[in-house]
C-alpha cells in the first residue's frame, strides 16, 4: 500500500539526478550528500508512489517504465514550480500582471498610444486593460478599486484616498466654425467672442473645464451666452462643427482635423486658459501601477 509522500522540490531533484547518473554514488556526489540518505529518499519516494522507479544492479540503476514516465512528469513539476515562483516575484515587483487603466475619450489619441508602446518595450509582462469614461466616472472607479489607474483632464477636487500626478499642461483655445470671420487670425483675444453663442461643458461631467470657461470669460468682462451644453469633448466639437456656436477646448484636440471646426489660439497668460492632464491612483497602489507611473513621468519629462 502506498504511503503519503510530500513531493518536495528537493526530493524531485534527487530522483532526477539519480535518473540521469544511473548510479547512486555519482548522484550523491552531484547533490553534495552521502549515498545512504539519498538511497533512503528514493526508497521513500517509491513507497509513497507504490511503484518501483529503478531496477537496481551491481553496476548501477536503470529506470523502469514507471520511472521513465515519472521522470517526465517530475521535470514538468519542477519547471512549473520554478515558473510559479518567478511569476509571483515578477508580479510583486510590478514586472508582470494586469493593470486596469481608465481614461477620458480624447486622451486615448494623444497619450495612451505612447504609454502602451513604452510599456510593451520596458514592461512586456504587464497586460493593460483599457476603459473609457468621463473624468468623474473614472475617478470614482479608481477610488472604488474598479480601476488601478486613471488618466483625467483637470478633475474636480479628488478625495483624500487618491494620489494625483500631473504630467501635461495644455493651453485652452477657441474652437470656431470653419467659416467664422476670426478663423483667419493668428490669435485672438477671448473678449472678441463676447457676442457669440457658446456650447458649454456640462458642469457635472466636465466640472473643471466648465468652471474655467466661466472664469476666463468673466476675467475679460463677459458671461458666455449658452446655446447648448455637452457632457463630453466630442459633443462640444459637434456643436461647433454645426456652425451654431463656438467653444473653448484644450489645444491638443485640434491636432485632429474635424470637418467644420477651426481652432484659434487665445492671447494672454491667464491661469484659466490652461488645462492639466493628470494620472490618479489609490494610496495603496501596487508595484505595477508605480512602475507605469515612473515610466510615464520619465517619458514625459525627457
C-alpha atoms as a PDB file:
ATOM      1  CA  UNK A   1       0.000   0.000   0.000  1.00  0.00           C
ATOM      2  CA  UNK A   2       1.373   3.436  -0.932  1.00  0.00           C
ATOM      3  CA  UNK A   3       2.396   5.808   1.821  1.00  0.00           C
ATOM      4  CA  UNK A   4       1.625   9.510   1.972  1.00  0.00           C
ATOM      5  CA  UNK A   5       4.504  11.473   0.493  1.00  0.00           C
ATOM      6  CA  UNK A   6       5.366  15.108   0.011  1.00  0.00           C
ATOM      7  CA  UNK A   7       6.798  15.682  -3.458  1.00  0.00           C
ATOM      8  CA  UNK A   8       9.167  18.434  -2.437  1.00  0.00           C
ATOM      9  CA  UNK A   9      11.453  20.222  -4.855  1.00  0.00           C
ATOM     10  CA  UNK A  10      14.441  18.580  -3.183  1.00  0.00           C
ATOM     11  CA  UNK A  11      13.011  15.068  -3.497  1.00  0.00           C
ATOM     12  CA  UNK A  12      12.141  15.540  -7.164  1.00  0.00           C
ATOM     13  CA  UNK A  13      15.626  16.898  -7.861  1.00  0.00           C
ATOM     14  CA  UNK A  14      17.205  13.890  -6.118  1.00  0.00           C
ATOM     15  CA  UNK A  15      15.137  11.487  -8.216  1.00  0.00           C
ATOM     16  CA  UNK A  16      16.043  13.233 -11.474  1.00  0.00           C
ATOM     17  CA  UNK A  17      19.771  13.292 -10.696  1.00  0.00           C
ATOM     18  CA  UNK A  18      19.744   9.561  -9.957  1.00  0.00           C
ATOM     19  CA  UNK A  19      17.810   9.027 -13.190  1.00  0.00           C
ATOM     20  CA  UNK A  20      20.428  10.985 -15.137  1.00  0.00           C
ATOM     21  CA  UNK A  21      23.512   9.442 -13.482  1.00  0.00           C
ATOM     22  CA  UNK A  22      22.066   5.904 -13.245  1.00  0.00           C
ATOM     23  CA  UNK A  23      24.282   5.477 -10.208  1.00  0.00           C
ATOM     24  CA  UNK A  24      23.605   6.395  -6.564  1.00  0.00           C
ATOM     25  CA  UNK A  25      27.229   7.161  -5.771  1.00  0.00           C
ATOM     26  CA  UNK A  26      27.699   9.659  -8.622  1.00  0.00           C
ATOM     27  CA  UNK A  27      24.275  11.156  -7.971  1.00  0.00           C
ATOM     28  CA  UNK A  28      25.138  11.663  -4.295  1.00  0.00           C
ATOM     29  CA  UNK A  29      28.345  13.466  -5.279  1.00  0.00           C
ATOM     30  CA  UNK A  30      26.415  15.825  -7.586  1.00  0.00           C
ATOM     31  CA  UNK A  31      23.924  16.509  -4.814  1.00  0.00           C
ATOM     32  CA  UNK A  32      26.672  17.127  -2.229  1.00  0.00           C
ATOM     33  CA  UNK A  33      25.300  14.465   0.104  1.00  0.00           C
ATOM     34  CA  UNK A  34      26.230  10.962   1.227  1.00  0.00           C
ATOM     35  CA  UNK A  35      24.819   7.912  -0.556  1.00  0.00           C
ATOM     36  CA  UNK A  36      22.762   6.284   2.260  1.00  0.00           C
ATOM     37  CA  UNK A  37      20.396   9.282   2.786  1.00  0.00           C
ATOM     38  CA  UNK A  38      19.928   9.518  -0.991  1.00  0.00           C
ATOM     39  CA  UNK A  39      19.043   5.825  -1.245  1.00  0.00           C
ATOM     40  CA  UNK A  40      16.610   6.221   1.649  1.00  0.00           C
ATOM     41  CA  UNK A  41      14.947   9.215  -0.044  1.00  0.00           C
ATOM     42  CA  UNK A  42      14.411   7.272  -3.295  1.00  0.00           C
ATOM     43  CA  UNK A  43      13.068   4.254  -1.372  1.00  0.00           C
ATOM     44  CA  UNK A  44      10.653   6.575   0.477  1.00  0.00           C
ATOM     45  CA  UNK A  45       9.568   8.050  -2.852  1.00  0.00           C
ATOM     46  CA  UNK A  46       8.907   4.577  -4.289  1.00  0.00           C
ATOM     47  CA  UNK A  47       6.914   3.553  -1.219  1.00  0.00           C
ATOM     48  CA  UNK A  48       4.907   6.773  -1.426  1.00  0.00           C
ATOM     49  CA  UNK A  49       4.098   6.230  -5.109  1.00  0.00           C
ATOM     50  CA  UNK A  50       3.536   2.497  -4.646  1.00  0.00           C
ATOM     51  CA  UNK A  51       5.766   1.610  -7.625  1.00  0.00           C
ATOM     52  CA  UNK A  52       9.398   0.730  -8.375  1.00  0.00           C
ATOM     53  CA  UNK A  53      11.122   3.563 -10.197  1.00  0.00           C
ATOM     54  CA  UNK A  54      14.530   1.922 -10.627  1.00  0.00           C
ATOM     55  CA  UNK A  55      15.925  -1.513 -11.426  1.00  0.00           C
ATOM     56  CA  UNK A  56      18.981  -1.947  -9.225  1.00  0.00           C
ATOM     57  CA  UNK A  57      22.050  -3.882 -10.307  1.00  0.00           C
ATOM     58  CA  UNK A  58      25.718  -4.228  -9.361  1.00  0.00           C
ATOM     59  CA  UNK A  59      26.795  -1.622 -11.937  1.00  0.00           C
ATOM     60  CA  UNK A  60      24.154   0.991 -11.120  1.00  0.00           C
ATOM     61  CA  UNK A  61      20.456   1.534 -11.727  1.00  0.00           C
ATOM     62  CA  UNK A  62      18.095   1.951 -14.668  1.00  0.00           C
ATOM     63  CA  UNK A  63      14.630   3.421 -14.867  1.00  0.00           C
ATOM     64  CA  UNK A  64      11.596   1.183 -15.006  1.00  0.00           C
ATOM     65  CA  UNK A  65       8.767   2.033 -17.403  1.00  0.00           C
ATOM     66  CA  UNK A  66       7.017   3.775 -14.499  1.00  0.00           C
ATOM     67  CA  UNK A  67      10.265   5.553 -13.681  1.00  0.00           C
ATOM     68  CA  UNK A  68      10.611   6.802 -17.265  1.00  0.00           C
ATOM     69  CA  UNK A  69       7.092   8.252 -17.143  1.00  0.00           C
ATOM     70  CA  UNK A  70       7.622   9.786 -13.718  1.00  0.00           C
ATOM     71  CA  UNK A  71      10.883  11.422 -14.829  1.00  0.00           C
ATOM     72  CA  UNK A  72       8.973  13.363 -17.490  1.00  0.00           C
ATOM     73  CA  UNK A  73       6.301  14.466 -15.022  1.00  0.00           C
ATOM     74  CA  UNK A  74       8.837  15.258 -12.280  1.00  0.00           C
ATOM     75  CA  UNK A  75      10.658  17.617 -14.627  1.00  0.00           C
ATOM     76  CA  UNK A  76       7.354  19.275 -15.534  1.00  0.00           C
ATOM     77  CA  UNK A  77       6.533  19.725 -11.847  1.00  0.00           C
ATOM     78  CA  UNK A  78       9.895  21.356 -11.194  1.00  0.00           C
ATOM     79  CA  UNK A  79       9.550  23.607 -14.237  1.00  0.00           C
ATOM     80  CA  UNK A  80       6.022  24.631 -13.184  1.00  0.00           C
ATOM     81  CA  UNK A  81       7.187  25.331  -9.645  1.00  0.00           C
ATOM     82  CA  UNK A  82      10.071  27.465 -10.888  1.00  0.00           C
ATOM     83  CA  UNK A  83       7.748  29.336 -13.244  1.00  0.00           C
ATOM     84  CA  UNK A  84       5.250  29.959 -10.433  1.00  0.00           C
ATOM     85  CA  UNK A  85       7.973  31.304  -8.147  1.00  0.00           C
ATOM     86  CA  UNK A  86       9.349  33.533 -10.890  1.00  0.00           C
ATOM     87  CA  UNK A  87       5.876  34.827 -11.793  1.00  0.00           C
ATOM     88  CA  UNK A  88       4.879  35.676  -8.226  1.00  0.00           C
ATOM     89  CA  UNK A  89       8.164  37.534  -7.785  1.00  0.00           C
ATOM     90  CA  UNK A  90       7.622  39.443 -11.027  1.00  0.00           C
ATOM     91  CA  UNK A  91       4.070  40.347 -10.033  1.00  0.00           C
ATOM     92  CA  UNK A  92       5.253  41.517  -6.603  1.00  0.00           C
ATOM     93  CA  UNK A  93       7.939  43.651  -8.254  1.00  0.00           C
ATOM     94  CA  UNK A  94       5.482  45.138 -10.780  1.00  0.00           C
ATOM     95  CA  UNK A  95       7.010  43.400 -13.805  1.00  0.00           C
ATOM     96  CA  UNK A  96       4.074  41.108 -14.500  1.00  0.00           C
ATOM     97  CA  UNK A  97       0.313  41.093 -14.032  1.00  0.00           C
ATOM     98  CA  UNK A  98      -2.779  43.039 -15.085  1.00  0.00           C
ATOM     99  CA  UNK A  99      -3.377  46.793 -14.775  1.00  0.00           C
ATOM    100  CA  UNK A 100      -6.830  48.309 -15.389  1.00  0.00           C
ATOM    101  CA  UNK A 101      -6.497  51.807 -16.851  1.00  0.00           C
ATOM    102  CA  UNK A 102      -9.329  54.299 -17.278  1.00  0.00           C
ATOM    103  CA  UNK A 103      -9.206  57.405 -19.450  1.00  0.00           C
ATOM    104  CA  UNK A 104     -11.347  60.167 -20.906  1.00  0.00           C
ATOM    105  CA  UNK A 105     -12.065  59.923 -24.603  1.00  0.00           C
ATOM    106  CA  UNK A 106      -9.655  62.244 -26.409  1.00  0.00           C
ATOM    107  CA  UNK A 107      -6.674  61.329 -24.204  1.00  0.00           C
ATOM    108  CA  UNK A 108      -6.627  57.935 -25.895  1.00  0.00           C
ATOM    109  CA  UNK A 109      -5.347  59.585 -29.089  1.00  0.00           C
ATOM    110  CA  UNK A 110      -2.590  61.690 -27.535  1.00  0.00           C
ATOM    111  CA  UNK A 111      -1.124  59.950 -24.513  1.00  0.00           C
ATOM    112  CA  UNK A 112      -2.240  56.310 -24.389  1.00  0.00           C
ATOM    113  CA  UNK A 113      -0.547  55.111 -27.609  1.00  0.00           C
ATOM    114  CA  UNK A 114       2.835  56.284 -26.308  1.00  0.00           C
ATOM    115  CA  UNK A 115       2.210  54.725 -22.903  1.00  0.00           C
ATOM    116  CA  UNK A 116       1.167  51.392 -24.402  1.00  0.00           C
ATOM    117  CA  UNK A 117       4.188  51.342 -26.698  1.00  0.00           C
ATOM    118  CA  UNK A 118       6.596  52.231 -23.882  1.00  0.00           C
ATOM    119  CA  UNK A 119       5.049  49.634 -21.571  1.00  0.00           C
ATOM    120  CA  UNK A 120       5.378  46.957 -24.258  1.00  0.00           C
ATOM    121  CA  UNK A 121       9.068  47.827 -24.607  1.00  0.00           C
ATOM    122  CA  UNK A 122      10.016  48.178 -20.940  1.00  0.00           C
ATOM    123  CA  UNK A 123       7.358  46.183 -19.061  1.00  0.00           C
ATOM    124  CA  UNK A 124       6.376  43.427 -21.512  1.00  0.00           C
ATOM    125  CA  UNK A 125       4.929  41.248 -18.736  1.00  0.00           C
ATOM    126  CA  UNK A 126       2.189  43.759 -17.926  1.00  0.00           C
ATOM    127  CA  UNK A 127      -1.224  43.407 -19.527  1.00  0.00           C
ATOM    128  CA  UNK A 128      -3.043  46.758 -19.694  1.00  0.00           C
ATOM    129  CA  UNK A 129      -6.840  46.731 -19.892  1.00  0.00           C
ATOM    130  CA  UNK A 130      -8.469  49.991 -21.029  1.00  0.00           C
ATOM    131  CA  UNK A 131     -11.789  51.567 -20.053  1.00  0.00           C
ATOM    132  CA  UNK A 132     -13.151  54.879 -21.391  1.00  0.00           C
ATOM    133  CA  UNK A 133     -15.478  57.142 -19.397  1.00  0.00           C
ATOM    134  CA  UNK A 134     -15.874  60.702 -18.107  1.00  0.00           C
ATOM    135  CA  UNK A 135     -13.342  62.209 -15.679  1.00  0.00           C
ATOM    136  CA  UNK A 136     -15.832  61.990 -12.823  1.00  0.00           C
ATOM    137  CA  UNK A 137     -16.651  58.343 -13.571  1.00  0.00           C
ATOM    138  CA  UNK A 138     -13.003  57.307 -13.980  1.00  0.00           C
ATOM    139  CA  UNK A 139     -12.019  58.980 -10.693  1.00  0.00           C
ATOM    140  CA  UNK A 140     -14.886  57.177  -8.936  1.00  0.00           C
ATOM    141  CA  UNK A 141     -13.908  53.799 -10.381  1.00  0.00           C
ATOM    142  CA  UNK A 142     -10.291  54.261  -9.255  1.00  0.00           C
ATOM    143  CA  UNK A 143     -11.469  55.219  -5.771  1.00  0.00           C
ATOM    144  CA  UNK A 144     -13.692  52.112  -5.541  1.00  0.00           C
ATOM    145  CA  UNK A 145     -10.924  49.828  -6.770  1.00  0.00           C
ATOM    146  CA  UNK A 146     -12.608  49.040 -10.097  1.00  0.00           C
ATOM    147  CA  UNK A 147      -9.663  50.626 -11.938  1.00  0.00           C
ATOM    148  CA  UNK A 148      -6.000  50.724 -10.920  1.00  0.00           C
ATOM    149  CA  UNK A 149      -5.014  53.930 -12.730  1.00  0.00           C
ATOM    150  CA  UNK A 150      -6.951  56.772 -14.323  1.00  0.00           C
ATOM    151  CA  UNK A 151      -5.987  59.472 -16.829  1.00  0.00           C
ATOM    152  CA  UNK A 152      -8.107  62.587 -16.456  1.00  0.00           C
ATOM    153  CA  UNK A 153      -8.199  66.123 -17.708  1.00  0.00           C
ATOM    154  CA  UNK A 154      -8.471  68.673 -14.872  1.00  0.00           C
ATOM    155  CA  UNK A 155     -10.612  66.617 -12.490  1.00  0.00           C
ATOM    156  CA  UNK A 156     -12.675  68.230  -9.762  1.00  0.00           C
ATOM    157  CA  UNK A 157     -11.128  68.059  -6.260  1.00  0.00           C
ATOM    158  CA  UNK A 158     -10.221  64.441  -5.531  1.00  0.00           C
ATOM    159  CA  UNK A 159     -10.923  62.504  -2.346  1.00  0.00           C
ATOM    160  CA  UNK A 160      -8.053  62.133   0.123  1.00  0.00           C
ATOM    161  CA  UNK A 161      -7.560  58.437  -0.695  1.00  0.00           C
ATOM    162  CA  UNK A 162      -6.466  59.227  -4.276  1.00  0.00           C
ATOM    163  CA  UNK A 163      -2.990  60.342  -5.352  1.00  0.00           C
ATOM    164  CA  UNK A 164      -2.713  62.805  -8.248  1.00  0.00           C
ATOM    165  CA  UNK A 165       0.230  63.128 -10.670  1.00  0.00           C
ATOM    166  CA  UNK A 166       0.326  65.991 -13.177  1.00  0.00           C
ATOM    167  CA  UNK A 167       2.110  65.060 -16.393  1.00  0.00           C
ATOM    168  CA  UNK A 168       0.945  67.518 -19.078  1.00  0.00           C
ATOM    169  CA  UNK A 169      -0.355  71.094 -19.307  1.00  0.00           C
ATOM    170  CA  UNK A 170      -2.232  72.296 -22.387  1.00  0.00           C
ATOM    171  CA  UNK A 171      -3.480  75.715 -23.460  1.00  0.00           C
ATOM    172  CA  UNK A 172      -7.158  76.433 -23.965  1.00  0.00           C
ATOM    173  CA  UNK A 173      -8.014  77.647 -27.486  1.00  0.00           C
ATOM    174  CA  UNK A 174     -11.107  78.962 -29.234  1.00  0.00           C
ATOM    175  CA  UNK A 175     -12.937  76.346 -31.308  1.00  0.00           C
ATOM    176  CA  UNK A 176     -14.800  78.165 -34.101  1.00  0.00           C
ATOM    177  CA  UNK A 177     -16.953  77.118 -37.072  1.00  0.00           C
ATOM    178  CA  UNK A 178     -14.741  76.837 -40.155  1.00  0.00           C
ATOM    179  CA  UNK A 179     -16.410  79.828 -41.867  1.00  0.00           C
ATOM    180  CA  UNK A 180     -16.189  82.133 -38.828  1.00  0.00           C
ATOM    181  CA  UNK A 181     -14.614  85.529 -39.677  1.00  0.00           C
ATOM    182  CA  UNK A 182     -11.994  85.183 -36.902  1.00  0.00           C
ATOM    183  CA  UNK A 183     -10.593  81.917 -38.282  1.00  0.00           C
ATOM    184  CA  UNK A 184      -8.012  83.718 -40.391  1.00  0.00           C
ATOM    185  CA  UNK A 185      -6.461  85.470 -37.358  1.00  0.00           C
ATOM    186  CA  UNK A 186      -3.183  84.150 -35.972  1.00  0.00           C
ATOM    187  CA  UNK A 187      -4.546  84.564 -32.440  1.00  0.00           C
ATOM    188  CA  UNK A 188      -7.430  86.437 -30.829  1.00  0.00           C
ATOM    189  CA  UNK A 189      -8.465  87.944 -27.516  1.00  0.00           C
ATOM    190  CA  UNK A 190     -11.114  85.993 -25.672  1.00  0.00           C
ATOM    191  CA  UNK A 191     -13.114  89.234 -25.359  1.00  0.00           C
ATOM    192  CA  UNK A 192     -13.664  89.123 -29.128  1.00  0.00           C
ATOM    193  CA  UNK A 193     -16.116  86.242 -28.526  1.00  0.00           C
ATOM    194  CA  UNK A 194     -18.362  88.192 -26.146  1.00  0.00           C
ATOM    195  CA  UNK A 195     -21.246  88.353 -28.630  1.00  0.00           C
ATOM    196  CA  UNK A 196     -21.054  84.711 -29.685  1.00  0.00           C
ATOM    197  CA  UNK A 197     -23.283  81.814 -28.673  1.00  0.00           C
ATOM    198  CA  UNK A 198     -21.323  79.133 -26.799  1.00  0.00           C
ATOM    199  CA  UNK A 199     -21.660  75.400 -26.367  1.00  0.00           C
ATOM    200  CA  UNK A 200     -20.588  74.958 -22.735  1.00  0.00           C
ATOM    201  CA  UNK A 201     -19.130  71.954 -20.900  1.00  0.00           C
ATOM    202  CA  UNK A 202     -21.601  70.240 -18.595  1.00  0.00           C
ATOM    203  CA  UNK A 203     -20.819  71.259 -15.003  1.00  0.00           C
ATOM    204  CA  UNK A 204     -21.357  67.717 -13.704  1.00  0.00           C
ATOM    205  CA  UNK A 205     -19.478  65.694 -16.334  1.00  0.00           C
ATOM    206  CA  UNK A 206     -16.719  68.276 -17.014  1.00  0.00           C
ATOM    207  CA  UNK A 207     -16.688  70.361 -13.825  1.00  0.00           C
ATOM    208  CA  UNK A 208     -13.220  71.876 -14.062  1.00  0.00           C
ATOM    209  CA  UNK A 209     -13.417  72.841 -17.735  1.00  0.00           C
ATOM    210  CA  UNK A 210     -16.925  74.240 -17.180  1.00  0.00           C
ATOM    211  CA  UNK A 211     -15.635  76.418 -14.355  1.00  0.00           C
ATOM    212  CA  UNK A 212     -12.585  77.520 -16.362  1.00  0.00           C
ATOM    213  CA  UNK A 213     -14.704  78.690 -19.282  1.00  0.00           C
ATOM    214  CA  UNK A 214     -16.896  80.784 -16.991  1.00  0.00           C
ATOM    215  CA  UNK A 215     -13.958  82.275 -15.068  1.00  0.00           C
ATOM    216  CA  UNK A 216     -11.882  83.015 -18.178  1.00  0.00           C
ATOM    217  CA  UNK A 217     -14.795  84.851 -19.781  1.00  0.00           C
ATOM    218  CA  UNK A 218     -15.635  86.748 -16.597  1.00  0.00           C
ATOM    219  CA  UNK A 219     -11.988  87.770 -16.292  1.00  0.00           C
ATOM    220  CA  UNK A 220     -12.236  89.648 -19.606  1.00  0.00           C
ATOM    221  CA  UNK A 221     -15.626  91.142 -18.818  1.00  0.00           C
ATOM    222  CA  UNK A 222     -18.444  88.950 -20.115  1.00  0.00           C
ATOM    223  CA  UNK A 223     -20.573  85.911 -19.320  1.00  0.00           C
ATOM    224  CA  UNK A 224     -20.644  83.308 -22.115  1.00  0.00           C
ATOM    225  CA  UNK A 225     -24.083  83.063 -23.702  1.00  0.00           C
ATOM    226  CA  UNK A 226     -25.149  79.437 -23.689  1.00  0.00           C
ATOM    227  CA  UNK A 227     -26.637  77.957 -26.862  1.00  0.00           C
ATOM    228  CA  UNK A 228     -26.101  74.346 -25.765  1.00  0.00           C
ATOM    229  CA  UNK A 229     -24.393  72.111 -23.185  1.00  0.00           C
ATOM    230  CA  UNK A 230     -22.386  68.934 -23.863  1.00  0.00           C
ATOM    231  CA  UNK A 231     -21.117  66.360 -21.378  1.00  0.00           C
ATOM    232  CA  UNK A 232     -18.004  65.358 -23.322  1.00  0.00           C
ATOM    233  CA  UNK A 233     -15.427  66.955 -25.584  1.00  0.00           C
ATOM    234  CA  UNK A 234     -16.648  65.269 -28.751  1.00  0.00           C
ATOM    235  CA  UNK A 235     -20.086  66.756 -28.105  1.00  0.00           C
ATOM    236  CA  UNK A 236     -18.552  70.225 -27.823  1.00  0.00           C
ATOM    237  CA  UNK A 237     -16.799  69.712 -31.155  1.00  0.00           C
ATOM    238  CA  UNK A 238     -20.014  68.519 -32.794  1.00  0.00           C
ATOM    239  CA  UNK A 239     -21.912  71.665 -31.838  1.00  0.00           C
ATOM    240  CA  UNK A 240     -19.111  73.882 -33.123  1.00  0.00           C
ATOM    241  CA  UNK A 241     -18.966  71.897 -36.386  1.00  0.00           C
ATOM    242  CA  UNK A 242     -22.695  72.520 -36.853  1.00  0.00           C
ATOM    243  CA  UNK A 243     -21.915  76.242 -37.181  1.00  0.00           C
ATOM    244  CA  UNK A 244     -24.338  77.141 -34.376  1.00  0.00           C
ATOM    245  CA  UNK A 245     -21.834  78.274 -31.736  1.00  0.00           C
ATOM    246  CA  UNK A 246     -18.238  78.492 -30.517  1.00  0.00           C
ATOM    247  CA  UNK A 247     -16.444  76.836 -27.617  1.00  0.00           C
ATOM    248  CA  UNK A 248     -13.226  76.754 -25.612  1.00  0.00           C
ATOM    249  CA  UNK A 249     -11.259  73.494 -25.756  1.00  0.00           C
ATOM    250  CA  UNK A 250      -7.778  72.090 -24.926  1.00  0.00           C
ATOM    251  CA  UNK A 251      -5.349  72.782 -27.754  1.00  0.00           C
ATOM    252  CA  UNK A 252      -4.288  69.154 -28.316  1.00  0.00           C
ATOM    253  CA  UNK A 253      -7.784  68.345 -29.535  1.00  0.00           C
ATOM    254  CA  UNK A 254      -7.050  70.475 -32.562  1.00  0.00           C
ATOM    255  CA  UNK A 255      -4.376  68.023 -33.696  1.00  0.00           C
ATOM    256  CA  UNK A 256      -7.255  66.036 -35.179  1.00  0.00           C
ATOM    257  CA  UNK A 257      -8.801  67.796 -38.161  1.00  0.00           C
ATOM    258  CA  UNK A 258     -12.559  67.804 -37.701  1.00  0.00           C
ATOM    259  CA  UNK A 259     -14.687  68.929 -40.604  1.00  0.00           C
ATOM    260  CA  UNK A 260     -16.273  72.306 -39.943  1.00  0.00           C
ATOM    261  CA  UNK A 261     -14.078  73.254 -36.947  1.00  0.00           C
ATOM    262  CA  UNK A 262     -11.067  75.560 -36.732  1.00  0.00           C
ATOM    263  CA  UNK A 263      -9.008  76.255 -33.601  1.00  0.00           C
ATOM    264  CA  UNK A 264      -7.545  79.678 -32.947  1.00  0.00           C
ATOM    265  CA  UNK A 265      -5.038  80.426 -30.132  1.00  0.00           C
ATOM    266  CA  UNK A 266      -6.042  82.879 -27.406  1.00  0.00           C
ATOM    267  CA  UNK A 267      -3.798  85.692 -26.238  1.00  0.00           C
ATOM    268  CA  UNK A 268      -2.975  86.164 -22.577  1.00  0.00           C
ATOM    269  CA  UNK A 269      -1.423  84.255 -19.726  1.00  0.00           C
ATOM    270  CA  UNK A 270      -4.490  83.685 -17.588  1.00  0.00           C
ATOM    271  CA  UNK A 271      -4.335  80.502 -15.497  1.00  0.00           C
ATOM    272  CA  UNK A 272      -7.896  79.826 -16.650  1.00  0.00           C
ATOM    273  CA  UNK A 273      -6.555  79.303 -20.174  1.00  0.00           C
ATOM    274  CA  UNK A 274      -4.597  76.197 -19.178  1.00  0.00           C
ATOM    275  CA  UNK A 275      -5.787  72.644 -18.625  1.00  0.00           C
ATOM    276  CA  UNK A 276      -3.887  69.882 -16.826  1.00  0.00           C
ATOM    277  CA  UNK A 277      -3.780  66.182 -17.653  1.00  0.00           C
ATOM    278  CA  UNK A 278      -3.320  64.030 -14.553  1.00  0.00           C
ATOM    279  CA  UNK A 279      -2.948  60.396 -13.555  1.00  0.00           C
ATOM    280  CA  UNK A 280      -4.706  59.248 -10.379  1.00  0.00           C
ATOM    281  CA  UNK A 281      -4.437  56.086  -8.299  1.00  0.00           C
ATOM    282  CA  UNK A 282      -5.265  54.878  -4.812  1.00  0.00           C
ATOM    283  CA  UNK A 283      -2.847  55.412  -1.930  1.00  0.00           C
ATOM    284  CA  UNK A 284      -2.198  51.671  -1.746  1.00  0.00           C
ATOM    285  CA  UNK A 285      -1.310  51.248  -5.445  1.00  0.00           C
ATOM    286  CA  UNK A 286       0.698  48.116  -6.214  1.00  0.00           C
ATOM    287  CA  UNK A 287       4.131  47.938  -7.822  1.00  0.00           C
ATOM    288  CA  UNK A 288       2.793  47.525 -11.359  1.00  0.00           C
ATOM    289  CA  UNK A 289       0.966  50.871 -11.112  1.00  0.00           C
ATOM    290  CA  UNK A 290       4.044  52.538  -9.629  1.00  0.00           C
ATOM    291  CA  UNK A 291       6.236  51.227 -12.418  1.00  0.00           C
ATOM    292  CA  UNK A 292       3.785  52.512 -15.040  1.00  0.00           C
ATOM    293  CA  UNK A 293       3.797  55.942 -13.392  1.00  0.00           C
ATOM    294  CA  UNK A 294       7.591  56.016 -13.290  1.00  0.00           C
ATOM    295  CA  UNK A 295       7.559  55.190 -16.993  1.00  0.00           C
ATOM    296  CA  UNK A 296       5.051  57.961 -17.743  1.00  0.00           C
ATOM    297  CA  UNK A 297       6.984  60.552 -15.759  1.00  0.00           C
ATOM    298  CA  UNK A 298      10.283  59.577 -17.356  1.00  0.00           C
ATOM    299  CA  UNK A 299       8.883  59.645 -20.888  1.00  0.00           C
ATOM    300  CA  UNK A 300       7.064  62.978 -20.466  1.00  0.00           C
ATOM    301  CA  UNK A 301       9.946  64.796 -18.777  1.00  0.00           C
ATOM    302  CA  UNK A 302      12.765  63.535 -21.011  1.00  0.00           C
END
